[in-house]
Amino acid sequence: MSCSIFPAHAAMNSPAKFNLRHHIRVATKRIPAVFFAAFVAVSSNATAADARDTSNAATDPRSMSVMRAAELPPQGREILQLIRNGGPFKHAGKDGSVFGNFERILPKQPRGHYKEYTVPTPGAKNRAARRIVCGGDVRNAARSTCYYTHDHYASFKRIQE
């Protein structure tokens, strides 16, 4: 019997050559290395966000799909108006918090530029997937840009007000 942790000569049928303490020490040194190698292999695979071609959207917001504010769902229009008025928001701890743009779909900006807001989904018992993300002076439509996502940051449309 042999495995990758114990060397082949450590077979259980040859007790004279088998030193349990030695092989436990060797195994405990190899196990973390095996897990580390597996972690590196898994984490180095490209994610869906990495595979997307976001080069145009990340540099030029005008190349992104656009929707008029009137095309937002009714709850989205209401949230956009609340954003412009400074609130109040139902999810006070989350609405207005920093959106990290980790998906790299929105144009690159310094951390803290984008803020996210929940767009309520009828019948949902949680915050669900719909959001409006705004950058700039959110109280002033002329000095900010807002985006709508219905699929929790997988895609965005720039809101034209």
Protein backbone atom coordinates (compact mmCIF):
# COMPACT_ATOMS: atom_id res chain seq x y z
CA MET A 1 0.00 0.00 0.00
CA SER A 2 1.35 3.36 -0.99
CA CYS A 3 0.07 6.87 -1.57
CA SER A 4 1.49 10.24 -2.52
CA ILE A 5 2.03 11.21 1.12
CA PHE A 6 3.85 8.06 2.21
CA PRO A 7 6.75 6.79 0.07
CA ALA A 8 6.38 3.47 -1.74
CA HIS A 9 8.91 1.70 0.51
CA ALA A 10 6.66 2.40 3.51
CA ALA A 11 4.30 -0.41 2.64
CA MET A 12 2.48 -1.86 5.61
CA ASN A 13 3.60 -5.40 4.74
CA SER A 14 7.24 -4.62 5.60
CA PRO A 15 7.12 -3.57 9.26
CA ALA A 16 10.91 -3.64 9.63
CA LYS A 17 11.30 -0.72 7.23
CA PHE A 18 8.28 1.24 8.34
CA ASN A 19 9.00 4.03 10.84
CA LEU A 20 5.63 5.56 11.69
CA ARG A 21 6.98 8.66 13.43
CA HIS A 22 9.25 9.49 10.51
CA HIS A 23 6.46 9.12 7.97
CA ILE A 24 4.03 11.18 10.02
CA ARG A 25 6.60 14.00 10.12
CA VAL A 26 7.10 13.73 6.35
CA ALA A 27 3.36 13.62 5.71
CA THR A 28 2.64 16.68 7.82
CA LYS A 29 5.22 18.60 5.82
CA ARG A 30 3.79 17.44 2.48
CA ILE A 31 0.07 17.91 3.22
CA PRO A 32 0.21 21.74 3.40
CA ALA A 33 2.21 21.79 0.16
CA VAL A 34 -0.39 19.61 -1.56
CA PHE A 35 -3.24 21.85 -0.42
CA PHE A 36 -1.30 24.97 -1.42
CA ALA A 37 -0.65 23.54 -4.90
CA ALA A 38 -4.33 22.69 -5.29
CA PHE A 39 -5.33 26.20 -4.17
CA VAL A 40 -2.95 27.82 -6.66
CA ALA A 41 -4.24 25.62 -9.47
CA VAL A 42 -7.87 26.46 -8.72
CA SER A 43 -7.35 30.17 -8.13
CA SER A 44 -5.24 30.66 -11.25
CA ASN A 45 -8.07 29.59 -13.55
CA ALA A 46 -9.68 32.51 -15.35
CA THR A 47 -13.04 33.55 -13.96
CA ALA A 48 -16.01 34.57 -16.08
CA ALA A 49 -15.31 38.22 -15.30
CA ASP A 50 -11.72 37.85 -16.53
CA ALA A 51 -12.86 36.15 -19.71
CA ARG A 52 -15.21 38.99 -20.66
CA ASP A 53 -13.87 41.58 -23.06
CA THR A 54 -14.44 44.75 -21.10
CA SER A 55 -11.70 46.81 -22.72
CA ASN A 56 -14.08 49.29 -24.38
CA ALA A 57 -16.53 49.62 -21.48
CA ALA A 58 -13.73 50.01 -18.96
CA THR A 59 -12.24 52.96 -20.83
CA ASP A 60 -15.23 54.61 -22.51
CA PRO A 61 -18.63 54.61 -20.79
CA ARG A 62 -20.25 55.76 -24.04
CA SER A 63 -19.51 52.35 -25.60
CA MET A 64 -21.73 50.63 -23.00
CA SER A 65 -25.39 49.85 -23.67
CA VAL A 66 -27.64 52.76 -22.73
CA MET A 67 -31.17 52.87 -21.33
CA ARG A 68 -33.34 55.89 -20.69
CA ALA A 69 -34.36 56.50 -17.09
CA ALA A 70 -37.97 56.03 -18.21
CA GLU A 71 -37.08 52.44 -19.22
CA LEU A 72 -36.06 51.52 -15.66
CA PRO A 73 -38.55 49.39 -13.74
CA PRO A 74 -40.83 51.57 -11.55
CA GLN A 75 -38.78 50.68 -8.46
CA GLY A 76 -35.60 51.72 -10.30
CA ARG A 77 -37.06 55.12 -11.21
CA GLU A 78 -38.04 55.60 -7.57
CA ILE A 79 -34.54 54.69 -6.32
CA LEU A 80 -32.91 56.97 -8.91
CA GLN A 81 -35.05 59.85 -7.60
CA LEU A 82 -34.09 58.96 -4.01
CA ILE A 83 -30.42 58.95 -5.03
CA ARG A 84 -30.79 62.46 -6.45
CA ASN A 85 -32.60 63.59 -3.28
CA GLY A 86 -30.10 61.97 -0.89
CA GLY A 87 -32.44 59.26 0.45
CA PRO A 88 -33.86 57.91 2.65
CA PHE A 89 -33.10 54.34 1.62
CA LYS A 90 -34.64 51.11 2.90
CA HIS A 91 -31.25 49.37 3.18
CA ALA A 92 -29.41 52.21 4.93
CA GLY A 93 -26.37 50.09 5.79
CA LYS A 94 -25.90 48.95 2.18
CA ASP A 95 -27.38 51.66 -0.02
CA GLY A 96 -24.80 54.33 -0.74
CA SER A 97 -21.93 52.00 0.15
CA VAL A 98 -18.81 51.78 -2.00
CA PHE A 99 -19.08 49.60 -5.09
CA GLY A 100 -15.68 48.06 -5.78
CA ASN A 101 -16.09 47.42 -9.53
CA PHE A 102 -14.25 44.11 -9.06
CA GLU A 103 -15.95 42.80 -12.21
CA ARG A 104 -14.16 45.58 -14.15
CA ILE A 105 -17.18 46.21 -16.32
CA LEU A 106 -17.62 49.87 -15.41
CA PRO A 107 -14.98 52.45 -16.39
CA LYS A 108 -11.96 52.34 -14.12
CA GLN A 109 -12.11 54.91 -11.33
CA PRO A 110 -10.39 55.31 -7.94
CA ARG A 111 -11.83 53.20 -5.13
CA GLY A 112 -14.77 54.97 -3.54
CA HIS A 113 -15.92 56.65 -6.75
CA TYR A 114 -18.88 54.31 -7.31
CA LYS A 115 -21.74 53.85 -4.84
CA GLU A 116 -24.38 51.12 -5.05
CA TYR A 117 -28.09 51.26 -4.33
CA THR A 118 -30.64 48.44 -4.09
CA VAL A 119 -33.54 48.42 -6.54
CA PRO A 120 -36.35 46.50 -4.80
CA THR A 121 -37.63 43.39 -6.57
CA PRO A 122 -41.35 42.73 -6.04
CA GLY A 123 -41.89 39.51 -4.09
CA ALA A 124 -38.22 39.14 -3.05
CA LYS A 125 -37.55 38.59 0.65
CA ASN A 126 -33.98 39.86 0.39
CA ARG A 127 -32.16 42.57 -1.57
CA ALA A 128 -32.20 40.38 -4.71
CA ALA A 129 -30.06 41.22 -7.75
CA ARG A 130 -31.14 44.59 -9.07
CA ARG A 131 -28.90 47.60 -8.36
CA ILE A 132 -28.14 51.11 -9.51
CA VAL A 133 -24.47 52.06 -9.31
CA CYS A 134 -23.56 55.75 -9.54
CA GLY A 135 -20.25 57.56 -9.75
CA GLY A 136 -19.50 61.22 -9.26
CA ASP A 137 -21.76 63.75 -7.54
CA VAL A 138 -24.80 61.48 -7.15
CA ARG A 139 -27.07 64.37 -6.15
CA ASN A 140 -26.43 66.08 -9.51
CA ALA A 141 -27.37 64.20 -12.71
CA ALA A 142 -25.11 66.42 -14.83
CA ARG A 143 -22.04 65.57 -12.73
CA SER A 144 -22.60 61.85 -12.25
CA THR A 145 -23.06 58.70 -14.27
CA CYS A 146 -25.39 55.94 -13.15
CA TYR A 147 -25.66 52.34 -14.31
CA TYR A 148 -28.40 49.75 -13.89
CA THR A 149 -27.85 46.00 -13.41
CA HIS A 150 -30.63 43.46 -13.19
CA ASP A 151 -28.28 40.49 -12.77
CA HIS A 152 -26.11 41.44 -9.78
CA TYR A 153 -23.20 43.07 -11.63
CA ALA A 154 -22.91 40.55 -14.50
CA SER A 155 -23.97 43.29 -16.93
CA PHE A 156 -24.70 47.02 -16.79
CA LYS A 157 -26.54 49.62 -18.83
CA ARG A 158 -25.69 53.30 -18.54
CA ILE A 159 -28.75 55.30 -17.49
CA GLN A 160 -29.46 58.30 -19.66
CA GLU A 161 -31.38 60.94 -17.73
